[in-house]
Amino acid sequence: MLKKILIGVAVVLVALLGIIAMRPSAFTVQRTATFKASPDIAFGYVNDFHLWSQWSPWDKLDPNQKRTFEGPPTGPGSIYSWSGNDQVGEGRMTIEESNANEVIRIKLEFLKPWQATNTTTFTFTPTADGVSVNWKMEGHNDFMGKAFSLFADMDSMVGKDFENGLANMQKVVEAETQKRTEAEAARQKEAEKAAAAPAEGQQAPTGGQNVAAPTP
């Protein structure tokens, strides 16, 4: 009887291992949102890791997490590292490609509680109302990742965070757009006022003035 049970367990394990092995190794998670802003403003909030705290969906999960910045302040070579509680773990992001107002490609490394390396890409596309921002993460699952995907795939785990992050970014980017619009309107008003000032200071000739006759 025991032998039959062990054989049955072995068969189940072999079948399970086969199912796990056949799971897709590659995965992609992406979300898109449209902002009423120019591409350069949205681009700037992604291209500078120092600004991520204003919209990142994970930033407030651990207010005490440690953050470090290396390399140039923006663009290729910029590095952002973090270390925090179990919700945020430990990892590092490095900007590998940055084409102004078009695309940013980031190497995303998870160090704890598990190790993985993925590629994150932000694409900025002009629209009639502003800019469409696509946030995409691509990677490969090892055997353990495939096993975990039987219960929860990456899209269900990370997709909601992407949606929240883009919603946060929209608020920040559109607020910055409004701020710049108001500042530009104020500058134009001041420029028009300054241009009108000399004209207002000039006095037109007064009629009826007596002109002295030349002395012979």
N, C-alpha and C. Protein backbone atom coordinates (compact mmCIF):
# COMPACT_ATOMS: atom_id res chain seq x y z
N MET A 1 0.83 -1.21 0.00
CA MET A 1 0.00 0.00 0.00
C MET A 1 0.87 1.27 0.00
N LEU A 2 1.86 1.26 0.89
CA LEU A 2 2.77 2.40 0.98
C LEU A 2 3.51 2.62 -0.33
N LYS A 3 3.88 1.49 -0.96
CA LYS A 3 4.59 1.58 -2.24
C LYS A 3 3.73 2.25 -3.29
N LYS A 4 2.44 1.92 -3.32
CA LYS A 4 1.53 2.51 -4.29
C LYS A 4 1.36 4.01 -4.04
N ILE A 5 1.32 4.38 -2.74
CA ILE A 5 1.19 5.81 -2.40
C ILE A 5 2.41 6.58 -2.87
N LEU A 6 3.59 6.02 -2.61
CA LEU A 6 4.84 6.69 -3.01
C LEU A 6 4.92 6.82 -4.53
N ILE A 7 4.49 5.77 -5.22
CA ILE A 7 4.50 5.83 -6.69
C ILE A 7 3.53 6.91 -7.17
N GLY A 8 2.35 6.98 -6.52
CA GLY A 8 1.37 8.00 -6.90
C GLY A 8 1.89 9.40 -6.67
N VAL A 9 2.57 9.60 -5.52
CA VAL A 9 3.15 10.92 -5.23
C VAL A 9 4.23 11.27 -6.24
N ALA A 10 5.04 10.28 -6.59
CA ALA A 10 6.11 10.51 -7.57
C ALA A 10 5.53 10.90 -8.92
N VAL A 11 4.45 10.23 -9.31
CA VAL A 11 3.81 10.54 -10.59
C VAL A 11 3.28 11.97 -10.59
N VAL A 12 2.65 12.35 -9.47
CA VAL A 12 2.11 13.71 -9.35
C VAL A 12 3.23 14.73 -9.42
N LEU A 13 4.33 14.47 -8.71
CA LEU A 13 5.46 15.40 -8.71
C LEU A 13 6.07 15.55 -10.09
N VAL A 14 6.21 14.43 -10.79
CA VAL A 14 6.77 14.48 -12.14
C VAL A 14 5.85 15.28 -13.06
N ALA A 15 4.54 15.06 -12.92
CA ALA A 15 3.58 15.80 -13.74
C ALA A 15 3.63 17.28 -13.43
N LEU A 16 3.74 17.61 -12.13
CA LEU A 16 3.80 19.02 -11.72
C LEU A 16 5.07 19.68 -12.25
N LEU A 17 6.18 18.97 -12.14
CA LEU A 17 7.44 19.51 -12.66
C LEU A 17 7.35 19.75 -14.17
N GLY A 18 6.66 18.84 -14.86
CA GLY A 18 6.49 19.01 -16.29
C GLY A 18 5.65 20.22 -16.63
N ILE A 19 4.58 20.43 -15.85
CA ILE A 19 3.71 21.59 -16.06
C ILE A 19 4.48 22.88 -15.81
N ILE A 20 5.27 22.89 -14.73
CA ILE A 20 6.05 24.09 -14.41
C ILE A 20 7.06 24.37 -15.51
N ALA A 21 7.73 23.33 -15.98
CA ALA A 21 8.75 23.51 -17.02
C ALA A 21 8.17 24.06 -18.30
N MET A 22 6.90 23.73 -18.55
CA MET A 22 6.25 24.18 -19.79
C MET A 22 5.67 25.58 -19.68
N ARG A 23 5.72 26.17 -18.50
CA ARG A 23 5.21 27.53 -18.35
C ARG A 23 6.07 28.50 -19.16
N PRO A 24 5.49 29.59 -19.70
CA PRO A 24 6.28 30.56 -20.48
C PRO A 24 7.40 31.16 -19.62
N SER A 25 8.57 31.28 -20.20
CA SER A 25 9.70 31.85 -19.46
C SER A 25 9.72 33.37 -19.55
N ALA A 26 9.23 33.91 -20.66
CA ALA A 26 9.23 35.37 -20.83
C ALA A 26 7.90 35.96 -20.37
N PHE A 27 7.96 37.16 -19.85
CA PHE A 27 6.74 37.85 -19.45
C PHE A 27 6.84 39.33 -19.80
N THR A 28 5.70 39.96 -19.97
CA THR A 28 5.62 41.39 -20.25
C THR A 28 4.44 41.98 -19.48
N VAL A 29 4.69 43.09 -18.82
CA VAL A 29 3.64 43.82 -18.12
C VAL A 29 3.68 45.24 -18.64
N GLN A 30 2.55 45.78 -19.08
CA GLN A 30 2.54 47.17 -19.55
C GLN A 30 1.19 47.82 -19.35
N ARG A 31 1.25 49.13 -19.13
CA ARG A 31 0.06 49.94 -18.97
C ARG A 31 0.30 51.27 -19.68
N THR A 32 -0.78 51.93 -20.12
CA THR A 32 -0.67 53.19 -20.85
C THR A 32 -1.66 54.20 -20.30
N ALA A 33 -1.24 55.45 -20.25
CA ALA A 33 -2.13 56.53 -19.81
C ALA A 33 -1.83 57.78 -20.64
N THR A 34 -2.84 58.64 -20.80
CA THR A 34 -2.68 59.88 -21.56
C THR A 34 -2.80 61.08 -20.63
N PHE A 35 -1.82 61.99 -20.74
CA PHE A 35 -1.78 63.19 -19.90
C PHE A 35 -2.01 64.44 -20.75
N LYS A 36 -2.61 65.44 -20.16
CA LYS A 36 -2.75 66.74 -20.82
C LYS A 36 -1.50 67.55 -20.52
N ALA A 37 -0.44 67.18 -21.19
CA ALA A 37 0.86 67.82 -20.99
C ALA A 37 1.73 67.54 -22.19
N SER A 38 2.77 68.35 -22.37
CA SER A 38 3.69 68.12 -23.47
C SER A 38 4.63 66.97 -23.11
N PRO A 39 5.15 66.24 -24.10
CA PRO A 39 6.02 65.09 -23.82
C PRO A 39 7.23 65.44 -22.96
N ASP A 40 7.78 66.65 -23.12
CA ASP A 40 9.00 66.98 -22.39
C ASP A 40 8.79 67.01 -20.88
N ILE A 41 7.59 67.39 -20.44
CA ILE A 41 7.34 67.44 -19.00
C ILE A 41 7.24 66.04 -18.42
N ALA A 42 6.46 65.17 -19.09
CA ALA A 42 6.35 63.79 -18.63
C ALA A 42 7.70 63.09 -18.69
N PHE A 43 8.45 63.31 -19.75
CA PHE A 43 9.77 62.72 -19.92
C PHE A 43 10.69 63.11 -18.77
N GLY A 44 10.64 64.38 -18.38
CA GLY A 44 11.52 64.87 -17.32
C GLY A 44 11.30 64.19 -15.99
N TYR A 45 10.06 63.80 -15.69
CA TYR A 45 9.76 63.17 -14.40
C TYR A 45 10.19 61.71 -14.36
N VAL A 46 10.52 61.13 -15.50
CA VAL A 46 11.04 59.77 -15.53
C VAL A 46 12.55 59.76 -15.69
N ASN A 47 13.07 60.70 -16.44
CA ASN A 47 14.49 60.76 -16.76
C ASN A 47 15.35 61.18 -15.57
N ASP A 48 14.71 61.70 -14.53
CA ASP A 48 15.43 62.14 -13.32
C ASP A 48 14.95 61.30 -12.14
N PHE A 49 15.79 60.38 -11.66
CA PHE A 49 15.39 59.51 -10.55
C PHE A 49 15.06 60.31 -9.28
N HIS A 50 15.61 61.51 -9.15
CA HIS A 50 15.32 62.32 -7.98
C HIS A 50 13.85 62.72 -7.91
N LEU A 51 13.15 62.68 -9.05
CA LEU A 51 11.74 63.08 -9.10
C LEU A 51 10.78 61.90 -8.95
N TRP A 52 11.30 60.69 -8.93
CA TRP A 52 10.42 59.52 -8.86
C TRP A 52 9.62 59.49 -7.56
N SER A 53 10.15 60.06 -6.50
CA SER A 53 9.45 60.04 -5.22
C SER A 53 8.12 60.77 -5.30
N GLN A 54 7.94 61.63 -6.32
CA GLN A 54 6.70 62.38 -6.46
C GLN A 54 5.57 61.56 -7.10
N TRP A 55 5.91 60.42 -7.70
CA TRP A 55 4.86 59.64 -8.37
C TRP A 55 4.99 58.12 -8.26
N SER A 56 6.13 57.62 -7.85
CA SER A 56 6.34 56.18 -7.80
C SER A 56 5.32 55.49 -6.89
N PRO A 57 4.70 54.39 -7.35
CA PRO A 57 3.71 53.70 -6.53
C PRO A 57 4.29 52.96 -5.34
N TRP A 58 5.64 52.80 -5.33
CA TRP A 58 6.27 52.05 -4.24
C TRP A 58 6.97 52.95 -3.23
N ASP A 59 7.07 54.23 -3.53
CA ASP A 59 7.88 55.10 -2.68
C ASP A 59 7.35 55.21 -1.25
N LYS A 60 6.04 55.22 -1.09
CA LYS A 60 5.46 55.42 0.24
C LYS A 60 5.21 54.12 0.99
N LEU A 61 5.56 52.97 0.40
CA LEU A 61 5.38 51.70 1.10
C LEU A 61 6.30 51.58 2.30
N ASP A 62 7.42 52.29 2.24
CA ASP A 62 8.35 52.33 3.37
C ASP A 62 8.99 53.71 3.43
N PRO A 63 8.42 54.63 4.24
CA PRO A 63 8.96 55.99 4.32
C PRO A 63 10.40 56.04 4.81
N ASN A 64 10.85 54.96 5.45
CA ASN A 64 12.21 54.94 6.03
C ASN A 64 13.23 54.24 5.14
N GLN A 65 12.82 53.86 3.94
CA GLN A 65 13.76 53.16 3.07
C GLN A 65 14.95 54.05 2.72
N LYS A 66 16.08 53.42 2.49
CA LYS A 66 17.30 54.15 2.15
C LYS A 66 17.40 54.29 0.64
N ARG A 67 17.75 55.49 0.20
CA ARG A 67 17.87 55.77 -1.23
C ARG A 67 19.25 56.35 -1.52
N THR A 68 19.86 55.90 -2.59
CA THR A 68 21.15 56.46 -3.00
C THR A 68 21.10 56.73 -4.50
N PHE A 69 21.81 57.80 -4.91
CA PHE A 69 21.87 58.20 -6.32
C PHE A 69 23.33 58.24 -6.74
N GLU A 70 23.62 57.69 -7.92
CA GLU A 70 24.97 57.69 -8.45
C GLU A 70 24.95 58.12 -9.90
N GLY A 71 26.14 58.49 -10.40
CA GLY A 71 26.26 58.87 -11.79
C GLY A 71 25.69 60.24 -12.07
N PRO A 72 25.45 60.56 -13.33
CA PRO A 72 24.89 61.87 -13.70
C PRO A 72 23.48 62.04 -13.12
N PRO A 73 23.03 63.28 -12.93
CA PRO A 73 21.72 63.51 -12.32
C PRO A 73 20.56 63.02 -13.18
N THR A 74 20.74 63.00 -14.51
CA THR A 74 19.67 62.54 -15.40
C THR A 74 20.29 61.76 -16.56
N GLY A 75 19.44 61.01 -17.25
CA GLY A 75 19.86 60.35 -18.47
C GLY A 75 20.72 59.12 -18.27
N PRO A 76 21.32 58.63 -19.37
CA PRO A 76 22.13 57.40 -19.34
C PRO A 76 23.22 57.45 -18.27
N GLY A 77 23.34 56.35 -17.54
CA GLY A 77 24.34 56.28 -16.48
C GLY A 77 23.81 56.64 -15.11
N SER A 78 22.62 57.24 -15.04
CA SER A 78 22.03 57.56 -13.75
C SER A 78 21.63 56.26 -13.04
N ILE A 79 21.94 56.18 -11.76
CA ILE A 79 21.66 54.98 -10.98
C ILE A 79 20.90 55.35 -9.71
N TYR A 80 19.85 54.61 -9.45
CA TYR A 80 19.06 54.79 -8.23
C TYR A 80 18.98 53.45 -7.51
N SER A 81 19.41 53.42 -6.25
CA SER A 81 19.36 52.19 -5.45
C SER A 81 18.47 52.41 -4.25
N TRP A 82 17.78 51.36 -3.83
CA TRP A 82 16.91 51.47 -2.67
C TRP A 82 17.03 50.22 -1.80
N SER A 83 16.72 50.39 -0.53
CA SER A 83 16.73 49.28 0.42
C SER A 83 15.71 49.60 1.50
N GLY A 84 14.74 48.69 1.68
CA GLY A 84 13.69 48.97 2.65
C GLY A 84 13.09 47.72 3.26
N ASN A 85 11.85 47.81 3.66
CA ASN A 85 11.17 46.71 4.32
C ASN A 85 10.81 45.61 3.32
N ASP A 86 10.05 44.61 3.80
CA ASP A 86 9.71 43.47 2.94
C ASP A 86 8.86 43.86 1.74
N GLN A 87 8.14 44.97 1.85
CA GLN A 87 7.28 45.39 0.74
C GLN A 87 8.06 45.97 -0.43
N VAL A 88 9.17 46.63 -0.13
CA VAL A 88 9.96 47.26 -1.21
C VAL A 88 11.25 46.50 -1.51
N GLY A 89 11.74 45.73 -0.54
CA GLY A 89 12.95 44.95 -0.77
C GLY A 89 14.18 45.81 -1.03
N GLU A 90 15.05 45.27 -1.86
CA GLU A 90 16.28 45.98 -2.21
C GLU A 90 16.55 45.81 -3.70
N GLY A 91 16.98 46.89 -4.34
CA GLY A 91 17.24 46.79 -5.77
C GLY A 91 17.95 48.01 -6.32
N ARG A 92 18.07 48.04 -7.62
CA ARG A 92 18.80 49.12 -8.29
C ARG A 92 18.24 49.32 -9.69
N MET A 93 18.17 50.58 -10.13
CA MET A 93 17.76 50.92 -11.50
C MET A 93 18.86 51.74 -12.16
N THR A 94 19.13 51.44 -13.41
CA THR A 94 20.14 52.17 -14.18
C THR A 94 19.55 52.57 -15.53
N ILE A 95 19.60 53.86 -15.85
CA ILE A 95 19.12 54.31 -17.16
C ILE A 95 20.17 53.95 -18.21
N GLU A 96 19.78 53.12 -19.17
CA GLU A 96 20.71 52.69 -20.21
C GLU A 96 20.50 53.44 -21.53
N GLU A 97 19.29 53.92 -21.76
CA GLU A 97 18.98 54.66 -22.99
C GLU A 97 18.00 55.77 -22.67
N SER A 98 18.24 56.94 -23.26
CA SER A 98 17.36 58.08 -23.02
C SER A 98 17.34 58.97 -24.26
N ASN A 99 16.27 58.87 -25.04
CA ASN A 99 16.08 59.73 -26.21
C ASN A 99 15.05 60.79 -25.85
N ALA A 100 15.47 62.04 -25.86
CA ALA A 100 14.65 63.14 -25.36
C ALA A 100 13.21 63.09 -25.85
N ASN A 101 12.30 63.05 -24.88
CA ASN A 101 10.85 63.14 -25.11
C ASN A 101 10.29 61.97 -25.92
N GLU A 102 11.07 60.89 -26.05
CA GLU A 102 10.61 59.75 -26.84
C GLU A 102 10.63 58.43 -26.07
N VAL A 103 11.78 58.05 -25.55
CA VAL A 103 11.88 56.74 -24.90
C VAL A 103 12.98 56.75 -23.83
N ILE A 104 12.74 55.99 -22.76
CA ILE A 104 13.73 55.78 -21.70
C ILE A 104 13.76 54.28 -21.40
N ARG A 105 14.95 53.68 -21.47
CA ARG A 105 15.08 52.25 -21.17
C ARG A 105 15.93 52.09 -19.90
N ILE A 106 15.43 51.29 -18.96
CA ILE A 106 16.05 51.15 -17.65
C ILE A 106 16.35 49.69 -17.34
N LYS A 107 17.53 49.43 -16.83
CA LYS A 107 17.88 48.10 -16.32
C LYS A 107 17.40 48.03 -14.87
N LEU A 108 16.49 47.11 -14.59
CA LEU A 108 15.90 46.99 -13.26
C LEU A 108 16.40 45.71 -12.61
N GLU A 109 17.10 45.87 -11.48
CA GLU A 109 17.68 44.73 -10.77
C GLU A 109 17.05 44.60 -9.38
N PHE A 110 16.44 43.46 -9.12
CA PHE A 110 15.95 43.14 -7.79
C PHE A 110 17.02 42.31 -7.08
N LEU A 111 17.37 42.73 -5.87
CA LEU A 111 18.42 42.04 -5.12
C LEU A 111 17.86 41.25 -3.94
N LYS A 112 16.85 41.79 -3.29
CA LYS A 112 16.17 41.12 -2.17
C LYS A 112 14.68 41.45 -2.24
N PRO A 113 13.79 40.57 -1.82
CA PRO A 113 14.00 39.23 -1.24
C PRO A 113 14.35 38.15 -2.25
N TRP A 114 14.31 38.47 -3.55
CA TRP A 114 14.76 37.53 -4.57
C TRP A 114 15.59 38.30 -5.58
N GLN A 115 16.32 37.58 -6.41
CA GLN A 115 17.16 38.23 -7.41
C GLN A 115 16.57 38.05 -8.80
N ALA A 116 16.53 39.13 -9.53
CA ALA A 116 16.02 39.09 -10.91
C ALA A 116 16.47 40.36 -11.62
N THR A 117 16.61 40.26 -12.92
CA THR A 117 16.97 41.42 -13.74
C THR A 117 15.97 41.55 -14.87
N ASN A 118 15.30 42.70 -14.93
CA ASN A 118 14.30 42.95 -15.96
C ASN A 118 14.62 44.23 -16.71
N THR A 119 13.90 44.48 -17.77
CA THR A 119 14.05 45.71 -18.55
C THR A 119 12.75 46.50 -18.48
N THR A 120 12.88 47.76 -18.10
CA THR A 120 11.72 48.65 -18.03
C THR A 120 11.85 49.73 -19.11
N THR A 121 10.78 49.96 -19.85
CA THR A 121 10.81 50.95 -20.93
C THR A 121 9.62 51.90 -20.80
N PHE A 122 9.92 53.20 -20.87
CA PHE A 122 8.89 54.23 -20.92
C PHE A 122 8.91 54.83 -22.32
N THR A 123 7.74 54.86 -22.96
CA THR A 123 7.63 55.44 -24.30
C THR A 123 6.65 56.61 -24.26
N PHE A 124 7.05 57.73 -24.86
CA PHE A 124 6.26 58.96 -24.84
C PHE A 124 5.82 59.29 -26.27
N THR A 125 4.50 59.30 -26.49
CA THR A 125 3.97 59.55 -27.82
C THR A 125 3.04 60.76 -27.81
N PRO A 126 3.33 61.79 -28.61
CA PRO A 126 2.45 62.97 -28.65
C PRO A 126 1.04 62.60 -29.11
N THR A 127 0.04 63.22 -28.52
CA THR A 127 -1.35 63.04 -28.91
C THR A 127 -2.00 64.40 -29.11
N ALA A 128 -3.23 64.39 -29.57
CA ALA A 128 -3.94 65.66 -29.79
C ALA A 128 -4.13 66.41 -28.48
N ASP A 129 -4.28 65.67 -27.36
CA ASP A 129 -4.53 66.31 -26.07
C ASP A 129 -3.28 66.47 -25.22
N GLY A 130 -2.18 65.83 -25.62
CA GLY A 130 -0.98 65.93 -24.80
C GLY A 130 0.03 64.86 -25.13
N VAL A 131 0.17 63.87 -24.23
CA VAL A 131 1.15 62.81 -24.43
C VAL A 131 0.61 61.49 -23.88
N SER A 132 0.88 60.42 -24.61
CA SER A 132 0.55 59.08 -24.16
C SER A 132 1.82 58.44 -23.61
N VAL A 133 1.76 57.94 -22.37
CA VAL A 133 2.92 57.33 -21.72
C VAL A 133 2.68 55.83 -21.55
N ASN A 134 3.57 55.03 -22.13
CA ASN A 134 3.49 53.58 -22.01
C ASN A 134 4.61 53.09 -21.09
N TRP A 135 4.23 52.35 -20.06
CA TRP A 135 5.19 51.84 -19.08
C TRP A 135 5.21 50.32 -19.24
N LYS A 136 6.36 49.77 -19.62
CA LYS A 136 6.45 48.34 -19.90
C LYS A 136 7.63 47.71 -19.17
N MET A 137 7.41 46.51 -18.61
CA MET A 137 8.49 45.75 -17.99
C MET A 137 8.55 44.38 -18.64
N GLU A 138 9.75 43.95 -19.03
CA GLU A 138 9.96 42.65 -19.66
C GLU A 138 11.03 41.88 -18.89
N GLY A 139 10.84 40.57 -18.82
CA GLY A 139 11.82 39.75 -18.12
C GLY A 139 11.62 38.28 -18.40
N HIS A 140 12.40 37.44 -17.71
CA HIS A 140 12.32 35.99 -17.87
C HIS A 140 12.21 35.33 -16.49
N ASN A 141 11.37 34.33 -16.41
CA ASN A 141 11.20 33.57 -15.18
C ASN A 141 12.14 32.37 -15.15
N ASP A 142 12.82 32.18 -14.01
CA ASP A 142 13.55 30.93 -13.83
C ASP A 142 12.55 29.87 -13.38
N PHE A 143 13.03 28.71 -12.96
CA PHE A 143 12.12 27.63 -12.59
C PHE A 143 11.21 28.03 -11.44
N MET A 144 11.78 28.68 -10.43
CA MET A 144 10.97 29.10 -9.29
C MET A 144 9.94 30.14 -9.70
N GLY A 145 10.34 31.03 -10.62
CA GLY A 145 9.40 32.04 -11.11
C GLY A 145 8.25 31.40 -11.87
N LYS A 146 8.57 30.36 -12.64
CA LYS A 146 7.52 29.65 -13.36
C LYS A 146 6.56 28.96 -12.39
N ALA A 147 7.14 28.39 -11.32
CA ALA A 147 6.30 27.73 -10.32
C ALA A 147 5.38 28.74 -9.64
N PHE A 148 5.93 29.90 -9.32
CA PHE A 148 5.12 30.93 -8.66
C PHE A 148 4.01 31.44 -9.57
N SER A 149 4.28 31.45 -10.88
CA SER A 149 3.30 31.97 -11.84
C SER A 149 2.06 31.09 -11.93
N LEU A 150 2.13 29.86 -11.37
CA LEU A 150 0.95 29.01 -11.34
C LEU A 150 -0.14 29.61 -10.45
N PHE A 151 0.29 30.41 -9.48
CA PHE A 151 -0.66 30.98 -8.52
C PHE A 151 -0.92 32.47 -8.75
N ALA A 152 0.07 33.20 -9.26
CA ALA A 152 -0.10 34.63 -9.53
C ALA A 152 0.91 35.04 -10.60
N ASP A 153 0.42 35.55 -11.74
CA ASP A 153 1.36 35.98 -12.77
C ASP A 153 1.81 37.41 -12.52
N MET A 154 2.82 37.82 -13.28
CA MET A 154 3.42 39.14 -13.08
C MET A 154 2.43 40.26 -13.38
N ASP A 155 1.57 40.05 -14.37
CA ASP A 155 0.63 41.10 -14.72
C ASP A 155 -0.32 41.41 -13.56
N SER A 156 -0.80 40.36 -12.90
CA SER A 156 -1.72 40.58 -11.78
C SER A 156 -1.01 41.18 -10.58
N MET A 157 0.29 40.90 -10.43
CA MET A 157 1.04 41.41 -9.28
C MET A 157 1.52 42.84 -9.49
N VAL A 158 1.95 43.16 -10.71
CA VAL A 158 2.60 44.44 -10.96
C VAL A 158 1.71 45.42 -11.73
N GLY A 159 0.76 44.89 -12.49
CA GLY A 159 -0.07 45.75 -13.34
C GLY A 159 -0.77 46.85 -12.56
N LYS A 160 -1.32 46.53 -11.40
CA LYS A 160 -2.02 47.53 -10.59
C LYS A 160 -1.07 48.62 -10.12
N ASP A 161 0.17 48.24 -9.80
CA ASP A 161 1.16 49.25 -9.39
C ASP A 161 1.46 50.20 -10.54
N PHE A 162 1.56 49.66 -11.76
CA PHE A 162 1.79 50.51 -12.92
C PHE A 162 0.64 51.50 -13.10
N GLU A 163 -0.58 51.01 -12.93
CA GLU A 163 -1.75 51.89 -13.07
C GLU A 163 -1.72 53.00 -12.03
N ASN A 164 -1.40 52.65 -10.78
CA ASN A 164 -1.32 53.67 -9.73
C ASN A 164 -0.19 54.65 -9.99
N GLY A 165 0.95 54.14 -10.47
CA GLY A 165 2.07 55.02 -10.76
C GLY A 165 1.76 56.01 -11.86
N LEU A 166 1.10 55.55 -12.91
CA LEU A 166 0.74 56.44 -14.01
C LEU A 166 -0.31 57.46 -13.56
N ALA A 167 -1.22 57.04 -12.69
CA ALA A 167 -2.23 57.98 -12.15
C ALA A 167 -1.54 59.06 -11.31
N ASN A 168 -0.55 58.66 -10.52
CA ASN A 168 0.21 59.63 -9.72
C ASN A 168 0.99 60.58 -10.63
N MET A 169 1.61 60.01 -11.66
CA MET A 169 2.39 60.82 -12.59
C MET A 169 1.50 61.82 -13.31
N GLN A 170 0.30 61.41 -13.66
CA GLN A 170 -0.63 62.31 -14.35
C GLN A 170 -0.92 63.55 -13.51
N LYS A 171 -1.17 63.34 -12.22
CA LYS A 171 -1.46 64.47 -11.34
C LYS A 171 -0.27 65.44 -11.27
N VAL A 172 0.92 64.87 -11.12
CA VAL A 172 2.13 65.69 -11.00
C VAL A 172 2.43 66.42 -12.30
N VAL A 173 2.36 65.71 -13.42
CA VAL A 173 2.70 66.28 -14.72
C VAL A 173 1.70 67.36 -15.13
N GLU A 174 0.43 67.10 -14.92
CA GLU A 174 -0.58 68.10 -15.30
C GLU A 174 -0.54 69.32 -14.39
N ALA A 175 -0.18 69.12 -13.11
CA ALA A 175 -0.02 70.26 -12.20
C ALA A 175 1.18 71.10 -12.63
N GLU A 176 2.26 70.44 -13.04
CA GLU A 176 3.44 71.17 -13.53
C GLU A 176 3.12 71.92 -14.82
N THR A 177 2.31 71.30 -15.68
CA THR A 177 1.90 71.95 -16.93
C THR A 177 1.11 73.21 -16.64
N GLN A 178 0.17 73.14 -15.70
CA GLN A 178 -0.63 74.30 -15.32
C GLN A 178 0.25 75.40 -14.74
N LYS A 179 1.21 74.99 -13.92
CA LYS A 179 2.13 75.96 -13.32
C LYS A 179 2.94 76.69 -14.38
N ARG A 180 3.44 75.95 -15.36
CA ARG A 180 4.24 76.57 -16.43
C ARG A 180 3.37 77.46 -17.31
N THR A 181 2.14 77.05 -17.55
CA THR A 181 1.23 77.85 -18.37
C THR A 181 0.94 79.19 -17.69
N GLU A 182 0.69 79.14 -16.40
CA GLU A 182 0.42 80.37 -15.66
C GLU A 182 1.66 81.27 -15.60
N ALA A 183 2.83 80.66 -15.43
CA ALA A 183 4.07 81.45 -15.39
C ALA A 183 4.34 82.12 -16.73
N GLU A 184 4.08 81.39 -17.83
CA GLU A 184 4.28 81.95 -19.17
C GLU A 184 3.30 83.09 -19.43
N ALA A 185 2.07 82.93 -18.97
CA ALA A 185 1.07 84.00 -19.15
C ALA A 185 1.49 85.24 -18.37
N ALA A 186 2.05 85.04 -17.18
CA ALA A 186 2.50 86.17 -16.37
C ALA A 186 3.68 86.88 -17.04
N ARG A 187 4.59 86.10 -17.63
CA ARG A 187 5.74 86.70 -18.32
C ARG A 187 5.28 87.52 -19.53
N GLN A 188 4.33 86.99 -20.27
CA GLN A 188 3.83 87.70 -21.44
C GLN A 188 3.14 89.00 -21.03
N LYS A 189 2.42 88.95 -19.94
CA LYS A 189 1.73 90.14 -19.45
C LYS A 189 2.73 91.21 -19.05
N GLU A 190 3.80 90.79 -18.38
CA GLU A 190 4.84 91.74 -17.97
C GLU A 190 5.55 92.32 -19.19
N ALA A 191 5.77 91.46 -20.20
CA ALA A 191 6.45 91.93 -21.41
C ALA A 191 5.59 92.95 -22.15
N GLU A 192 4.29 92.69 -22.22
CA GLU A 192 3.38 93.63 -22.88
C GLU A 192 3.31 94.94 -22.10
N LYS A 193 3.34 94.85 -20.79
CA LYS A 193 3.30 96.05 -19.96
C LYS A 193 4.56 96.88 -20.14
N ALA A 194 5.71 96.18 -20.21
CA ALA A 194 6.98 96.89 -20.39
C ALA A 194 7.05 97.53 -21.76
N ALA A 195 6.50 96.85 -22.79
CA ALA A 195 6.54 97.41 -24.14
C ALA A 195 5.62 98.62 -24.26
N ALA A 196 4.54 98.65 -23.50
CA ALA A 196 3.59 99.75 -23.58
C ALA A 196 4.04 100.96 -22.78
N ALA A 197 4.93 100.78 -21.81
CA ALA A 197 5.36 101.87 -20.92
C ALA A 197 5.99 103.04 -21.67
N PRO A 198 6.95 102.88 -22.59
CA PRO A 198 7.55 104.03 -23.30
C PRO A 198 6.52 104.83 -24.09
N ALA A 199 5.59 104.13 -24.73
CA ALA A 199 4.58 104.82 -25.52
C ALA A 199 3.69 105.68 -24.63
N GLU A 200 3.38 105.15 -23.45
CA GLU A 200 2.54 105.91 -22.53
C GLU A 200 3.28 107.12 -21.99
N GLY A 201 4.63 107.03 -21.94
CA GLY A 201 5.42 108.13 -21.39
C GLY A 201 5.62 109.28 -22.37
N GLN A 202 5.37 109.04 -23.65
CA GLN A 202 5.53 110.09 -24.65
C GLN A 202 4.29 110.98 -24.67
N GLN A 203 4.47 112.30 -24.68
CA GLN A 203 3.36 113.25 -24.71
C GLN A 203 3.21 113.84 -26.11
N ALA A 204 2.02 113.86 -26.57
CA ALA A 204 1.75 114.42 -27.90
C ALA A 204 1.91 115.94 -27.85
N PRO A 205 2.31 116.63 -28.98
CA PRO A 205 2.45 118.10 -29.02
C PRO A 205 1.13 118.78 -28.69
N THR A 206 1.19 119.88 -27.95
CA THR A 206 -0.02 120.62 -27.57
C THR A 206 -0.31 121.69 -28.60
N GLY A 207 -1.56 121.78 -29.08
CA GLY A 207 -1.93 122.75 -30.11
C GLY A 207 -1.99 124.17 -29.54
N GLY A 208 -1.90 125.19 -30.42
CA GLY A 208 -2.06 126.59 -30.00
C GLY A 208 -0.80 127.20 -29.43
N GLN A 209 0.35 126.56 -29.56
CA GLN A 209 1.57 127.13 -29.03
C GLN A 209 2.03 128.28 -29.94
N ASN A 210 2.52 129.40 -29.32
CA ASN A 210 3.05 130.53 -30.05
C ASN A 210 4.50 130.30 -30.40
N VAL A 211 4.84 130.51 -31.65
CA VAL A 211 6.23 130.35 -32.08
C VAL A 211 6.83 131.73 -32.29
N ALA A 212 7.95 131.95 -31.63
CA ALA A 212 8.58 133.31 -31.72
C ALA A 212 9.12 133.52 -33.12
N ALA A 213 8.92 134.74 -33.60
CA ALA A 213 9.42 135.10 -34.93
C ALA A 213 10.90 135.33 -34.87
N PRO A 214 11.62 134.97 -35.90
CA PRO A 214 13.08 135.19 -35.92
C PRO A 214 13.41 136.65 -35.86
N THR A 215 14.45 136.99 -35.17
CA THR A 215 14.90 138.38 -35.06
C THR A 215 15.68 138.76 -36.29
N PRO A 216 15.31 139.89 -36.93
CA PRO A 216 16.05 140.31 -38.15
C PRO A 216 17.47 140.75 -37.80
